[in-house]
Amino acid sequence: MNTLHKKAIMKEVGVLLTEHNHVVYKNVGKLLDSGAINTDNYAESVYTLPKILLTAVLQSSSEIFMPFDHEHRKEVENLKHF
């Protein structure tokens, strides 16, 4: 892959991440407001609770980016192995 092509792809990824950032942040807030997790259990842990919350939100929101085409979905599954 040539460098210019890689830069173009990375720029597009950056755009998608920037657009999705506010959704992730809002959904973390929803999880905290839901009462589904006792935040007091993590008062002394550095970054443990944020990592848990981000993992839950990112895993559930990954479908926002999932391509519709069956072949492209197969590509996604393949890339998970690398």
PDB file of N, CA and C in Angstrom:
ATOM      1  N   MET A   1       0.841  -1.176   0.000  1.00  0.00           N
ATOM      2  CA  MET A   1       0.000   0.000   0.000  1.00  0.00           C
ATOM      3  C   MET A   1       0.882   1.234   0.000  1.00  0.00           C
ATOM      4  N   ASN A   2       0.565   2.153  -0.871  1.00  0.00           N
ATOM      5  CA  ASN A   2       1.389   3.356  -0.908  1.00  0.00           C
ATOM      6  C   ASN A   2       0.994   4.317   0.219  1.00  0.00           C
ATOM      7  N   THR A   3       1.903   5.182   0.560  1.00  0.00           N
ATOM      8  CA  THR A   3       1.748   6.078   1.696  1.00  0.00           C
ATOM      9  C   THR A   3       0.576   7.041   1.517  1.00  0.00           C
ATOM     10  N   LEU A   4       0.378   7.557   0.319  1.00  0.00           N
ATOM     11  CA  LEU A   4      -0.723   8.492   0.081  1.00  0.00           C
ATOM     12  C   LEU A   4      -2.074   7.822   0.286  1.00  0.00           C
ATOM     13  N   HIS A   5      -2.196   6.583  -0.178  1.00  0.00           N
ATOM     14  CA  HIS A   5      -3.444   5.847  -0.017  1.00  0.00           C
ATOM     15  C   HIS A   5      -3.711   5.587   1.468  1.00  0.00           C
ATOM     16  N   LYS A   6      -2.677   5.194   2.201  1.00  0.00           N
ATOM     17  CA  LYS A   6      -2.813   4.942   3.632  1.00  0.00           C
ATOM     18  C   LYS A   6      -3.244   6.218   4.352  1.00  0.00           C
ATOM     19  N   LYS A   7      -2.649   7.349   4.003  1.00  0.00           N
ATOM     20  CA  LYS A   7      -3.005   8.621   4.642  1.00  0.00           C
ATOM     21  C   LYS A   7      -4.465   8.975   4.380  1.00  0.00           C
ATOM     22  N   ALA A   8      -4.940   8.719   3.162  1.00  0.00           N
ATOM     23  CA  ALA A   8      -6.335   9.007   2.826  1.00  0.00           C
ATOM     24  C   ALA A   8      -7.284   8.141   3.653  1.00  0.00           C
ATOM     25  N   ILE A   9      -6.948   6.883   3.796  1.00  0.00           N
ATOM     26  CA  ILE A   9      -7.768   5.971   4.590  1.00  0.00           C
ATOM     27  C   ILE A   9      -7.782   6.408   6.051  1.00  0.00           C
ATOM     28  N   MET A  10      -6.602   6.743   6.583  1.00  0.00           N
ATOM     29  CA  MET A  10      -6.513   7.170   7.976  1.00  0.00           C
ATOM     30  C   MET A  10      -7.294   8.463   8.211  1.00  0.00           C
ATOM     31  N   LYS A  11      -7.318   9.346   7.226  1.00  0.00           N
ATOM     32  CA  LYS A  11      -8.087  10.583   7.340  1.00  0.00           C
ATOM     33  C   LYS A  11      -9.575  10.263   7.423  1.00  0.00           C
ATOM     34  N   GLU A  12     -10.046   9.339   6.598  1.00  0.00           N
ATOM     35  CA  GLU A  12     -11.454   8.942   6.625  1.00  0.00           C
ATOM     36  C   GLU A  12     -11.815   8.283   7.955  1.00  0.00           C
ATOM     37  N   VAL A  13     -10.921   7.467   8.490  1.00  0.00           N
ATOM     38  CA  VAL A  13     -11.148   6.856   9.801  1.00  0.00           C
ATOM     39  C   VAL A  13     -11.259   7.951  10.861  1.00  0.00           C
ATOM     40  N   GLY A  14     -10.390   8.940  10.778  1.00  0.00           N
ATOM     41  CA  GLY A  14     -10.434  10.059  11.715  1.00  0.00           C
ATOM     42  C   GLY A  14     -11.760  10.802  11.678  1.00  0.00           C
ATOM     43  N   VAL A  15     -12.294  10.993  10.485  1.00  0.00           N
ATOM     44  CA  VAL A  15     -13.593  11.656  10.342  1.00  0.00           C
ATOM     45  C   VAL A  15     -14.686  10.827  11.018  1.00  0.00           C
ATOM     46  N   LEU A  16     -14.684   9.530  10.772  1.00  0.00           N
ATOM     47  CA  LEU A  16     -15.685   8.659  11.384  1.00  0.00           C
ATOM     48  C   LEU A  16     -15.568   8.669  12.903  1.00  0.00           C
ATOM     49  N   LEU A  17     -14.352   8.612  13.420  1.00  0.00           N
ATOM     50  CA  LEU A  17     -14.157   8.631  14.870  1.00  0.00           C
ATOM     51  C   LEU A  17     -14.602   9.949  15.485  1.00  0.00           C
ATOM     52  N   THR A  18     -14.283  11.041  14.837  1.00  0.00           N
ATOM     53  CA  THR A  18     -14.686  12.353  15.346  1.00  0.00           C
ATOM     54  C   THR A  18     -16.202  12.473  15.404  1.00  0.00           C
ATOM     55  N   GLU A  19     -16.867  12.020  14.354  1.00  0.00           N
ATOM     56  CA  GLU A  19     -18.328  12.072  14.306  1.00  0.00           C
ATOM     57  C   GLU A  19     -18.958  11.191  15.380  1.00  0.00           C
ATOM     58  N   HIS A  20     -18.333  10.064  15.678  1.00  0.00           N
ATOM     59  CA  HIS A  20     -18.900   9.100  16.619  1.00  0.00           C
ATOM     60  C   HIS A  20     -18.527   9.403  18.067  1.00  0.00           C
ATOM     61  N   ASN A  21     -17.533  10.236  18.285  1.00  0.00           N
ATOM     62  CA  ASN A  21     -17.030  10.517  19.625  1.00  0.00           C
ATOM     63  C   ASN A  21     -18.125  11.010  20.567  1.00  0.00           C
ATOM     64  N   HIS A  22     -18.956  11.938  20.118  1.00  0.00           N
ATOM     65  CA  HIS A  22     -20.006  12.479  20.994  1.00  0.00           C
ATOM     66  C   HIS A  22     -21.040  11.420  21.352  1.00  0.00           C
ATOM     67  N   VAL A  23     -21.298  10.493  20.456  1.00  0.00           N
ATOM     68  CA  VAL A  23     -22.250   9.417  20.731  1.00  0.00           C
ATOM     69  C   VAL A  23     -21.704   8.503  21.815  1.00  0.00           C
ATOM     70  N   VAL A  24     -20.431   8.163  21.730  1.00  0.00           N
ATOM     71  CA  VAL A  24     -19.796   7.305  22.729  1.00  0.00           C
ATOM     72  C   VAL A  24     -19.848   7.984  24.097  1.00  0.00           C
ATOM     73  N   TYR A  25     -19.488   9.254  24.141  1.00  0.00           N
ATOM     74  CA  TYR A  25     -19.472  10.005  25.391  1.00  0.00           C
ATOM     75  C   TYR A  25     -20.871  10.051  26.012  1.00  0.00           C
ATOM     76  N   LYS A  26     -21.882  10.310  25.190  1.00  0.00           N
ATOM     77  CA  LYS A  26     -23.263  10.368  25.661  1.00  0.00           C
ATOM     78  C   LYS A  26     -23.713   9.010  26.196  1.00  0.00           C
ATOM     79  N   ASN A  27     -23.339   7.936  25.507  1.00  0.00           N
ATOM     80  CA  ASN A  27     -23.745   6.595  25.934  1.00  0.00           C
ATOM     81  C   ASN A  27     -23.058   6.161  27.222  1.00  0.00           C
ATOM     82  N   VAL A  28     -21.841   6.613  27.447  1.00  0.00           N
ATOM     83  CA  VAL A  28     -21.181   6.346  28.736  1.00  0.00           C
ATOM     84  C   VAL A  28     -21.978   7.024  29.847  1.00  0.00           C
ATOM     85  N   GLY A  29     -22.406   8.253  29.603  1.00  0.00           N
ATOM     86  CA  GLY A  29     -23.232   8.961  30.579  1.00  0.00           C
ATOM     87  C   GLY A  29     -24.531   8.224  30.875  1.00  0.00           C
ATOM     88  N   LYS A  30     -25.146   7.667  29.841  1.00  0.00           N
ATOM     89  CA  LYS A  30     -26.379   6.893  30.024  1.00  0.00           C
ATOM     90  C   LYS A  30     -26.130   5.670  30.902  1.00  0.00           C
ATOM     91  N   LEU A  31     -25.000   5.000  30.673  1.00  0.00           N
ATOM     92  CA  LEU A  31     -24.677   3.835  31.508  1.00  0.00           C
ATOM     93  C   LEU A  31     -24.505   4.245  32.959  1.00  0.00           C
ATOM     94  N   LEU A  32     -23.814   5.352  33.192  1.00  0.00           N
ATOM     95  CA  LEU A  32     -23.614   5.820  34.568  1.00  0.00           C
ATOM     96  C   LEU A  32     -24.938   6.190  35.216  1.00  0.00           C
ATOM     97  N   ASP A  33     -25.843   6.797  34.456  1.00  0.00           N
ATOM     98  CA  ASP A  33     -27.150   7.197  34.978  1.00  0.00           C
ATOM     99  C   ASP A  33     -28.089   6.013  35.179  1.00  0.00           C
ATOM    100  N   SER A  34     -27.809   4.905  34.522  1.00  0.00           N
ATOM    101  CA  SER A  34     -28.719   3.762  34.563  1.00  0.00           C
ATOM    102  C   SER A  34     -28.740   3.063  35.919  1.00  0.00           C
ATOM    103  N   GLY A  35     -27.680   3.214  36.692  1.00  0.00           N
ATOM    104  CA  GLY A  35     -27.588   2.509  37.964  1.00  0.00           C
ATOM    105  C   GLY A  35     -27.209   1.046  37.803  1.00  0.00           C
ATOM    106  N   ALA A  36     -26.825   0.656  36.605  1.00  0.00           N
ATOM    107  CA  ALA A  36     -26.491  -0.744  36.332  1.00  0.00           C
ATOM    108  C   ALA A  36     -25.158  -1.154  36.945  1.00  0.00           C
ATOM    109  N   ILE A  37     -24.364  -0.180  37.341  1.00  0.00           N
ATOM    110  CA  ILE A  37     -23.064  -0.504  37.921  1.00  0.00           C
ATOM    111  C   ILE A  37     -22.850   0.380  39.149  1.00  0.00           C
ATOM    112  N   ASN A  38     -22.321  -0.215  40.194  1.00  0.00           N
ATOM    113  CA  ASN A  38     -22.047   0.523  41.429  1.00  0.00           C
ATOM    114  C   ASN A  38     -20.689   1.195  41.298  1.00  0.00           C
ATOM    115  N   THR A  39     -20.720   2.483  41.048  1.00  0.00           N
ATOM    116  CA  THR A  39     -19.472   3.222  40.826  1.00  0.00           C
ATOM    117  C   THR A  39     -18.607   3.287  42.088  1.00  0.00           C
ATOM    118  N   ASP A  40     -19.214   3.122  43.252  1.00  0.00           N
ATOM    119  CA  ASP A  40     -18.444   3.136  44.502  1.00  0.00           C
ATOM    120  C   ASP A  40     -17.455   1.979  44.579  1.00  0.00           C
ATOM    121  N   ASN A  41     -17.755   0.902  43.878  1.00  0.00           N
ATOM    122  CA  ASN A  41     -16.845  -0.255  43.869  1.00  0.00           C
ATOM    123  C   ASN A  41     -15.536   0.050  43.154  1.00  0.00           C
ATOM    124  N   TYR A  42     -15.497   1.147  42.413  1.00  0.00           N
ATOM    125  CA  TYR A  42     -14.320   1.472  41.604  1.00  0.00           C
ATOM    126  C   TYR A  42     -13.682   2.792  42.012  1.00  0.00           C
ATOM    127  N   ALA A  43     -14.017   3.292  43.192  1.00  0.00           N
ATOM    128  CA  ALA A  43     -13.547   4.611  43.625  1.00  0.00           C
ATOM    129  C   ALA A  43     -12.024   4.710  43.668  1.00  0.00           C
ATOM    130  N   GLU A  44     -11.364   3.623  43.996  1.00  0.00           N
ATOM    131  CA  GLU A  44      -9.909   3.661  44.150  1.00  0.00           C
ATOM    132  C   GLU A  44      -9.165   3.149  42.924  1.00  0.00           C
ATOM    133  N   SER A  45      -9.883   2.624  41.965  1.00  0.00           N
ATOM    134  CA  SER A  45      -9.251   2.063  40.776  1.00  0.00           C
ATOM    135  C   SER A  45      -9.024   3.153  39.735  1.00  0.00           C
ATOM    136  N   VAL A  46      -7.811   3.247  39.261  1.00  0.00           N
ATOM    137  CA  VAL A  46      -7.492   4.228  38.225  1.00  0.00           C
ATOM    138  C   VAL A  46      -7.835   3.637  36.860  1.00  0.00           C
ATOM    139  N   TYR A  47      -8.746   4.275  36.160  1.00  0.00           N
ATOM    140  CA  TYR A  47      -9.166   3.939  34.804  1.00  0.00           C
ATOM    141  C   TYR A  47      -9.903   2.605  34.665  1.00  0.00           C
ATOM    142  N   THR A  48     -10.107   1.864  35.737  1.00  0.00           N
ATOM    143  CA  THR A  48     -10.804   0.584  35.606  1.00  0.00           C
ATOM    144  C   THR A  48     -12.237   0.795  35.143  1.00  0.00           C
ATOM    145  N   LEU A  49     -12.980   1.638  35.832  1.00  0.00           N
ATOM    146  CA  LEU A  49     -14.372   1.869  35.452  1.00  0.00           C
ATOM    147  C   LEU A  49     -14.496   2.532  34.080  1.00  0.00           C
ATOM    148  N   PRO A  50     -13.695   3.552  33.754  1.00  0.00           N
ATOM    149  CA  PRO A  50     -13.781   4.090  32.398  1.00  0.00           C
ATOM    150  C   PRO A  50     -13.512   3.046  31.320  1.00  0.00           C
ATOM    151  N   LYS A  51     -12.577   2.147  31.571  1.00  0.00           N
ATOM    152  CA  LYS A  51     -12.293   1.094  30.592  1.00  0.00           C
ATOM    153  C   LYS A  51     -13.475   0.145  30.449  1.00  0.00           C
ATOM    154  N   ILE A  52     -14.107  -0.193  31.572  1.00  0.00           N
ATOM    155  CA  ILE A  52     -15.281  -1.067  31.538  1.00  0.00           C
ATOM    156  C   ILE A  52     -16.404  -0.400  30.742  1.00  0.00           C
ATOM    157  N   LEU A  53     -16.656   0.864  31.048  1.00  0.00           N
ATOM    158  CA  LEU A  53     -17.731   1.598  30.374  1.00  0.00           C
ATOM    159  C   LEU A  53     -17.461   1.752  28.881  1.00  0.00           C
ATOM    160  N   LEU A  54     -16.235   2.126  28.533  1.00  0.00           N
ATOM    161  CA  LEU A  54     -15.905   2.281  27.112  1.00  0.00           C
ATOM    162  C   LEU A  54     -15.991   0.963  26.365  1.00  0.00           C
ATOM    163  N   THR A  55     -15.553  -0.104  26.985  1.00  0.00           N
ATOM    164  CA  THR A  55     -15.639  -1.413  26.343  1.00  0.00           C
ATOM    165  C   THR A  55     -17.085  -1.767  26.048  1.00  0.00           C
ATOM    166  N   ALA A  56     -17.961  -1.571  27.028  1.00  0.00           N
ATOM    167  CA  ALA A  56     -19.377  -1.885  26.833  1.00  0.00           C
ATOM    168  C   ALA A  56     -19.980  -1.032  25.729  1.00  0.00           C
ATOM    169  N   VAL A  57     -19.701   0.263  25.742  1.00  0.00           N
ATOM    170  CA  VAL A  57     -20.277   1.167  24.738  1.00  0.00           C
ATOM    171  C   VAL A  57     -19.720   0.873  23.347  1.00  0.00           C
ATOM    172  N   LEU A  58     -18.412   0.689  23.249  1.00  0.00           N
ATOM    173  CA  LEU A  58     -17.808   0.466  21.933  1.00  0.00           C
ATOM    174  C   LEU A  58     -18.231  -0.868  21.331  1.00  0.00           C
ATOM    175  N   GLN A  59     -18.350  -1.889  22.167  1.00  0.00           N
ATOM    176  CA  GLN A  59     -18.804  -3.171  21.638  1.00  0.00           C
ATOM    177  C   GLN A  59     -20.238  -3.078  21.137  1.00  0.00           C
ATOM    178  N   SER A  60     -21.095  -2.395  21.875  1.00  0.00           N
ATOM    179  CA  SER A  60     -22.493  -2.304  21.447  1.00  0.00           C
ATOM    180  C   SER A  60     -22.680  -1.340  20.279  1.00  0.00           C
ATOM    181  N   SER A  61     -21.796  -0.359  20.152  1.00  0.00           N
ATOM    182  CA  SER A  61     -21.956   0.612  19.070  1.00  0.00           C
ATOM    183  C   SER A  61     -21.174   0.246  17.814  1.00  0.00           C
ATOM    184  N   SER A  62     -20.459  -0.847  17.834  1.00  0.00           N
ATOM    185  CA  SER A  62     -19.671  -1.220  16.660  1.00  0.00           C
ATOM    186  C   SER A  62     -20.545  -1.474  15.440  1.00  0.00           C
ATOM    187  N   GLU A  63     -21.802  -1.808  15.678  1.00  0.00           N
ATOM    188  CA  GLU A  63     -22.700  -2.083  14.555  1.00  0.00           C
ATOM    189  C   GLU A  63     -23.041  -0.834  13.752  1.00  0.00           C
ATOM    190  N   ILE A  64     -22.798   0.343  14.325  1.00  0.00           N
ATOM    191  CA  ILE A  64     -23.030   1.584  13.594  1.00  0.00           C
ATOM    192  C   ILE A  64     -22.169   1.619  12.331  1.00  0.00           C
ATOM    193  N   PHE A  65     -20.960   1.084  12.425  1.00  0.00           N
ATOM    194  CA  PHE A  65     -20.024   1.123  11.314  1.00  0.00           C
ATOM    195  C   PHE A  65     -20.077  -0.136  10.447  1.00  0.00           C
ATOM    196  N   MET A  66     -20.793  -1.154  10.896  1.00  0.00           N
ATOM    197  CA  MET A  66     -20.812  -2.430  10.177  1.00  0.00           C
ATOM    198  C   MET A  66     -21.353  -2.245   8.764  1.00  0.00           C
ATOM    199  N   PRO A  67     -20.602  -2.715   7.769  1.00  0.00           N
ATOM    200  CA  PRO A  67     -21.090  -2.615   6.389  1.00  0.00           C
ATOM    201  C   PRO A  67     -22.300  -3.528   6.177  1.00  0.00           C
ATOM    202  N   PHE A  68     -23.138  -3.151   5.237  1.00  0.00           N
ATOM    203  CA  PHE A  68     -24.341  -3.930   4.960  1.00  0.00           C
ATOM    204  C   PHE A  68     -24.047  -5.156   4.104  1.00  0.00           C
ATOM    205  N   ASP A  69     -23.115  -5.034   3.204  1.00  0.00           N
ATOM    206  CA  ASP A  69     -22.800  -6.099   2.256  1.00  0.00           C
ATOM    207  C   ASP A  69     -22.208  -7.310   2.977  1.00  0.00           C
ATOM    208  N   HIS A  70     -22.716  -8.497   2.636  1.00  0.00           N
ATOM    209  CA  HIS A  70     -22.266  -9.740   3.272  1.00  0.00           C
ATOM    210  C   HIS A  70     -20.761  -9.956   3.101  1.00  0.00           C
ATOM    211  N   GLU A  71     -20.236  -9.694   1.930  1.00  0.00           N
ATOM    212  CA  GLU A  71     -18.799  -9.879   1.688  1.00  0.00           C
ATOM    213  C   GLU A  71     -17.960  -8.942   2.551  1.00  0.00           C
ATOM    214  N   HIS A  72     -18.433  -7.719   2.731  1.00  0.00           N
ATOM    215  CA  HIS A  72     -17.701  -6.768   3.574  1.00  0.00           C
ATOM    216  C   HIS A  72     -17.756  -7.182   5.040  1.00  0.00           C
ATOM    217  N   ARG A  73     -18.864  -7.767   5.454  1.00  0.00           N
ATOM    218  CA  ARG A  73     -18.966  -8.281   6.827  1.00  0.00           C
ATOM    219  C   ARG A  73     -17.974  -9.427   7.046  1.00  0.00           C
ATOM    220  N   LYS A  74     -17.787 -10.238   6.015  1.00  0.00           N
ATOM    221  CA  LYS A  74     -16.801 -11.315   6.102  1.00  0.00           C
ATOM    222  C   LYS A  74     -15.390 -10.739   6.271  1.00  0.00           C
ATOM    223  N   GLU A  75     -15.118  -9.623   5.587  1.00  0.00           N
ATOM    224  CA  GLU A  75     -13.824  -8.954   5.735  1.00  0.00           C
ATOM    225  C   GLU A  75     -13.618  -8.499   7.181  1.00  0.00           C
ATOM    226  N   VAL A  76     -14.669  -7.950   7.775  1.00  0.00           N
ATOM    227  CA  VAL A  76     -14.592  -7.509   9.175  1.00  0.00           C
ATOM    228  C   VAL A  76     -14.239  -8.683  10.069  1.00  0.00           C
ATOM    229  N   GLU A  77     -14.940  -9.796   9.897  1.00  0.00           N
ATOM    230  CA  GLU A  77     -14.674 -10.983  10.720  1.00  0.00           C
ATOM    231  C   GLU A  77     -13.247 -11.479  10.531  1.00  0.00           C
ATOM    232  N   ASN A  78     -12.754 -11.445   9.312  1.00  0.00           N
ATOM    233  CA  ASN A  78     -11.393 -11.873   9.038  1.00  0.00           C
ATOM    234  C   ASN A  78     -10.378 -10.966   9.737  1.00  0.00           C
ATOM    235  N   LEU A  79     -10.611  -9.672   9.698  1.00  0.00           N
ATOM    236  CA  LEU A  79      -9.667  -8.705  10.280  1.00  0.00           C
ATOM    237  C   LEU A  79      -9.588  -8.810  11.796  1.00  0.00           C
ATOM    238  N   LYS A  80     -10.584  -9.375  12.423  1.00  0.00           N
ATOM    239  CA  LYS A  80     -10.557  -9.546  13.872  1.00  0.00           C
ATOM    240  C   LYS A  80      -9.463 -10.514  14.313  1.00  0.00           C
ATOM    241  N   HIS A  81      -8.946 -11.302  13.391  1.00  0.00           N
ATOM    242  CA  HIS A  81      -7.930 -12.295  13.722  1.00  0.00           C
ATOM    243  C   HIS A  81      -6.509 -11.732  13.698  1.00  0.00           C
ATOM    244  N   PHE A  82      -6.351 -10.470  13.334  1.00  0.00           N
ATOM    245  CA  PHE A  82      -5.008  -9.884  13.205  1.00  0.00           C
ATOM    246  C   PHE A  82      -4.707  -8.930  14.323  1.00  0.00           C
TER     247      PHE A  82
END
